[in-house]
Amino acid sequence: MSSSRRIALNGSDRVPLPGARVIGPTDPHQLMQVSVILTHRQALANAKPSGKFMSHSELAAQCGANPRTWTR
């Protein structure tokens, strides 16, 4: 990935562990797998379709990730 496409995430900076040392550059073609686990604000209801639609922002506000459970 070119450095022009990188976006730093707030709170993602880390201090190296004591005794850590650079052993060389990383392979820019190596894939990395990351898991992100978020908790809901509230569970989705298993109701029958009512014909009412919810906007994306309404769904996010009611059932999106709970910001109180985010860690840095």
N, C-alpha and C. Protein backbone atom coordinates (compact mmCIF):
# COMPACT_ATOMS: atom_id res chain seq x y z
N MET A 1 0.86 -1.16 0.00
CA MET A 1 0.00 0.00 0.00
C MET A 1 0.90 1.22 0.00
N SER A 2 0.61 2.17 -0.83
CA SER A 2 1.43 3.37 -0.85
C SER A 2 1.11 4.21 0.38
N SER A 3 2.11 4.96 0.85
CA SER A 3 1.91 5.75 2.06
C SER A 3 0.85 6.83 1.87
N SER A 4 0.56 7.22 0.63
CA SER A 4 -0.45 8.24 0.40
C SER A 4 -1.85 7.72 0.69
N ARG A 5 -2.03 6.41 0.77
CA ARG A 5 -3.34 5.83 1.05
C ARG A 5 -3.52 5.45 2.51
N ARG A 6 -2.53 5.67 3.33
CA ARG A 6 -2.61 5.29 4.74
C ARG A 6 -3.40 6.32 5.52
N ILE A 7 -4.20 5.82 6.44
CA ILE A 7 -4.96 6.68 7.33
C ILE A 7 -4.68 6.20 8.75
N ALA A 8 -4.12 7.07 9.56
CA ALA A 8 -3.84 6.72 10.95
C ALA A 8 -5.14 6.75 11.75
N LEU A 9 -5.37 5.72 12.54
CA LEU A 9 -6.54 5.65 13.40
C LEU A 9 -6.20 6.26 14.75
N ASN A 10 -7.04 7.17 15.23
CA ASN A 10 -6.80 7.79 16.53
C ASN A 10 -6.66 6.72 17.60
N GLY A 11 -5.65 6.84 18.42
CA GLY A 11 -5.44 5.88 19.52
C GLY A 11 -4.74 4.60 19.10
N SER A 12 -4.29 4.51 17.83
CA SER A 12 -3.68 3.26 17.38
C SER A 12 -2.15 3.27 17.50
N ASP A 13 -1.56 4.40 17.87
CA ASP A 13 -0.11 4.46 18.05
C ASP A 13 0.30 3.62 19.24
N ARG A 14 1.36 2.85 19.09
CA ARG A 14 1.83 1.99 20.17
C ARG A 14 3.33 2.22 20.39
N VAL A 15 3.75 2.09 21.63
CA VAL A 15 5.16 2.18 21.99
C VAL A 15 5.73 0.77 21.90
N PRO A 16 6.90 0.59 21.27
CA PRO A 16 7.49 -0.75 21.20
C PRO A 16 7.73 -1.33 22.60
N LEU A 17 7.62 -2.64 22.71
CA LEU A 17 7.89 -3.31 23.97
C LEU A 17 9.36 -3.17 24.33
N PRO A 18 9.68 -3.19 25.62
CA PRO A 18 11.09 -3.11 26.01
C PRO A 18 11.87 -4.27 25.38
N GLY A 19 13.01 -3.96 24.81
CA GLY A 19 13.85 -4.98 24.19
C GLY A 19 13.51 -5.24 22.73
N ALA A 20 12.44 -4.65 22.23
CA ALA A 20 12.07 -4.85 20.83
C ALA A 20 13.08 -4.16 19.92
N ARG A 21 13.33 -4.75 18.77
CA ARG A 21 14.27 -4.14 17.83
C ARG A 21 13.80 -4.39 16.41
N VAL A 22 14.17 -3.50 15.52
CA VAL A 22 13.82 -3.64 14.12
C VAL A 22 14.70 -4.72 13.51
N ILE A 23 14.09 -5.67 12.80
CA ILE A 23 14.88 -6.73 12.17
C ILE A 23 14.84 -6.61 10.65
N GLY A 24 14.12 -5.63 10.14
CA GLY A 24 14.08 -5.41 8.70
C GLY A 24 12.71 -4.93 8.26
N PRO A 25 12.61 -4.55 7.01
CA PRO A 25 11.32 -4.07 6.49
C PRO A 25 10.33 -5.22 6.35
N THR A 26 9.06 -4.88 6.38
CA THR A 26 8.02 -5.89 6.18
C THR A 26 7.78 -6.09 4.69
N ASP A 27 7.24 -7.23 4.34
CA ASP A 27 6.90 -7.52 2.96
C ASP A 27 5.62 -6.75 2.61
N PRO A 28 5.68 -5.82 1.66
CA PRO A 28 4.49 -5.03 1.35
C PRO A 28 3.37 -5.84 0.71
N HIS A 29 3.65 -7.08 0.32
CA HIS A 29 2.64 -7.93 -0.31
C HIS A 29 2.04 -8.94 0.65
N GLN A 30 2.54 -8.98 1.88
CA GLN A 30 2.01 -9.93 2.86
C GLN A 30 0.66 -9.45 3.35
N LEU A 31 -0.29 -10.37 3.41
CA LEU A 31 -1.63 -10.06 3.90
C LEU A 31 -1.67 -10.20 5.41
N MET A 32 -2.50 -9.41 6.03
CA MET A 32 -2.68 -9.47 7.47
C MET A 32 -4.17 -9.59 7.75
N GLN A 33 -4.53 -10.42 8.69
CA GLN A 33 -5.93 -10.61 9.05
C GLN A 33 -6.18 -9.93 10.38
N VAL A 34 -7.26 -9.15 10.44
CA VAL A 34 -7.61 -8.42 11.66
C VAL A 34 -9.06 -8.72 11.99
N SER A 35 -9.34 -8.99 13.26
CA SER A 35 -10.72 -9.20 13.71
C SER A 35 -11.13 -8.01 14.56
N VAL A 36 -12.30 -7.49 14.30
CA VAL A 36 -12.87 -6.40 15.09
C VAL A 36 -14.20 -6.89 15.64
N ILE A 37 -14.33 -6.88 16.96
CA ILE A 37 -15.54 -7.36 17.60
C ILE A 37 -16.20 -6.18 18.29
N LEU A 38 -17.43 -5.89 17.92
CA LEU A 38 -18.18 -4.78 18.48
C LEU A 38 -19.45 -5.31 19.13
N THR A 39 -19.90 -4.64 20.17
CA THR A 39 -21.17 -5.02 20.78
C THR A 39 -22.26 -4.09 20.28
N HIS A 40 -23.48 -4.58 20.22
CA HIS A 40 -24.61 -3.78 19.76
C HIS A 40 -25.07 -2.82 20.83
N ARG A 41 -25.69 -1.73 20.41
CA ARG A 41 -26.37 -0.84 21.36
C ARG A 41 -27.54 -1.61 21.96
N GLN A 42 -28.27 -2.30 21.09
CA GLN A 42 -29.37 -3.18 21.50
C GLN A 42 -29.53 -4.23 20.40
N ALA A 43 -30.07 -5.36 20.75
CA ALA A 43 -30.23 -6.43 19.78
C ALA A 43 -31.31 -6.07 18.76
N LEU A 44 -31.15 -6.60 17.55
CA LEU A 44 -32.18 -6.42 16.53
C LEU A 44 -33.40 -7.25 16.92
N ALA A 45 -34.56 -6.68 16.75
CA ALA A 45 -35.80 -7.39 17.08
C ALA A 45 -36.12 -8.39 15.97
N ASN A 46 -36.60 -9.54 16.35
CA ASN A 46 -37.03 -10.56 15.38
C ASN A 46 -38.53 -10.41 15.14
N ALA A 47 -38.91 -9.25 14.69
CA ALA A 47 -40.33 -8.98 14.47
C ALA A 47 -40.71 -9.29 13.03
N LYS A 48 -42.00 -9.46 12.81
CA LYS A 48 -42.49 -9.67 11.45
C LYS A 48 -42.37 -8.35 10.70
N PRO A 49 -42.15 -8.41 9.39
CA PRO A 49 -42.05 -7.18 8.61
C PRO A 49 -43.31 -6.32 8.79
N SER A 50 -43.12 -5.04 9.05
CA SER A 50 -44.26 -4.16 9.29
C SER A 50 -44.51 -3.22 8.13
N GLY A 51 -43.64 -3.23 7.13
CA GLY A 51 -43.79 -2.32 6.01
C GLY A 51 -43.16 -0.97 6.27
N LYS A 52 -42.60 -0.77 7.48
CA LYS A 52 -41.92 0.48 7.81
C LYS A 52 -40.43 0.31 7.55
N PHE A 53 -39.82 1.34 7.01
CA PHE A 53 -38.40 1.28 6.71
C PHE A 53 -37.63 2.21 7.63
N MET A 54 -36.43 1.82 7.91
CA MET A 54 -35.55 2.59 8.78
C MET A 54 -34.37 3.06 7.94
N SER A 55 -33.98 4.31 8.09
CA SER A 55 -32.83 4.82 7.35
C SER A 55 -31.55 4.19 7.93
N HIS A 56 -30.47 4.29 7.19
CA HIS A 56 -29.19 3.76 7.66
C HIS A 56 -28.78 4.44 8.96
N SER A 57 -28.96 5.76 9.03
CA SER A 57 -28.56 6.48 10.25
C SER A 57 -29.45 6.09 11.44
N GLU A 58 -30.73 5.84 11.20
CA GLU A 58 -31.62 5.39 12.28
C GLU A 58 -31.20 4.01 12.77
N LEU A 59 -30.90 3.11 11.82
CA LEU A 59 -30.45 1.76 12.19
C LEU A 59 -29.15 1.83 12.98
N ALA A 60 -28.21 2.65 12.52
CA ALA A 60 -26.93 2.78 13.21
C ALA A 60 -27.12 3.35 14.61
N ALA A 61 -28.00 4.34 14.75
CA ALA A 61 -28.23 4.95 16.06
C ALA A 61 -28.89 3.98 17.03
N GLN A 62 -29.78 3.14 16.53
CA GLN A 62 -30.51 2.22 17.42
C GLN A 62 -29.78 0.91 17.64
N CYS A 63 -29.15 0.37 16.60
CA CYS A 63 -28.59 -0.98 16.69
C CYS A 63 -27.11 -1.06 16.34
N GLY A 64 -26.48 0.08 16.10
CA GLY A 64 -25.06 0.07 15.75
C GLY A 64 -24.17 -0.29 16.93
N ALA A 65 -22.87 -0.23 16.71
CA ALA A 65 -21.91 -0.57 17.75
C ALA A 65 -22.03 0.42 18.91
N ASN A 66 -21.86 -0.10 20.10
CA ASN A 66 -21.95 0.71 21.31
C ASN A 66 -20.61 1.39 21.55
N PRO A 67 -20.53 2.72 21.43
CA PRO A 67 -19.24 3.40 21.60
C PRO A 67 -18.66 3.28 23.01
N ARG A 68 -19.49 2.97 24.00
CA ARG A 68 -18.97 2.80 25.37
C ARG A 68 -18.12 1.55 25.50
N THR A 69 -18.23 0.62 24.56
CA THR A 69 -17.45 -0.61 24.65
C THR A 69 -16.20 -0.56 23.79
N TRP A 70 -15.96 0.55 23.09
CA TRP A 70 -14.77 0.67 22.26
C TRP A 70 -13.55 0.80 23.17
N THR A 71 -12.48 0.15 22.80
CA THR A 71 -11.23 0.27 23.57
C THR A 71 -10.15 0.81 22.66
N ARG A 72 -9.18 1.38 23.27
CA ARG A 72 -8.04 1.92 22.50
C ARG A 72 -6.78 1.28 22.98
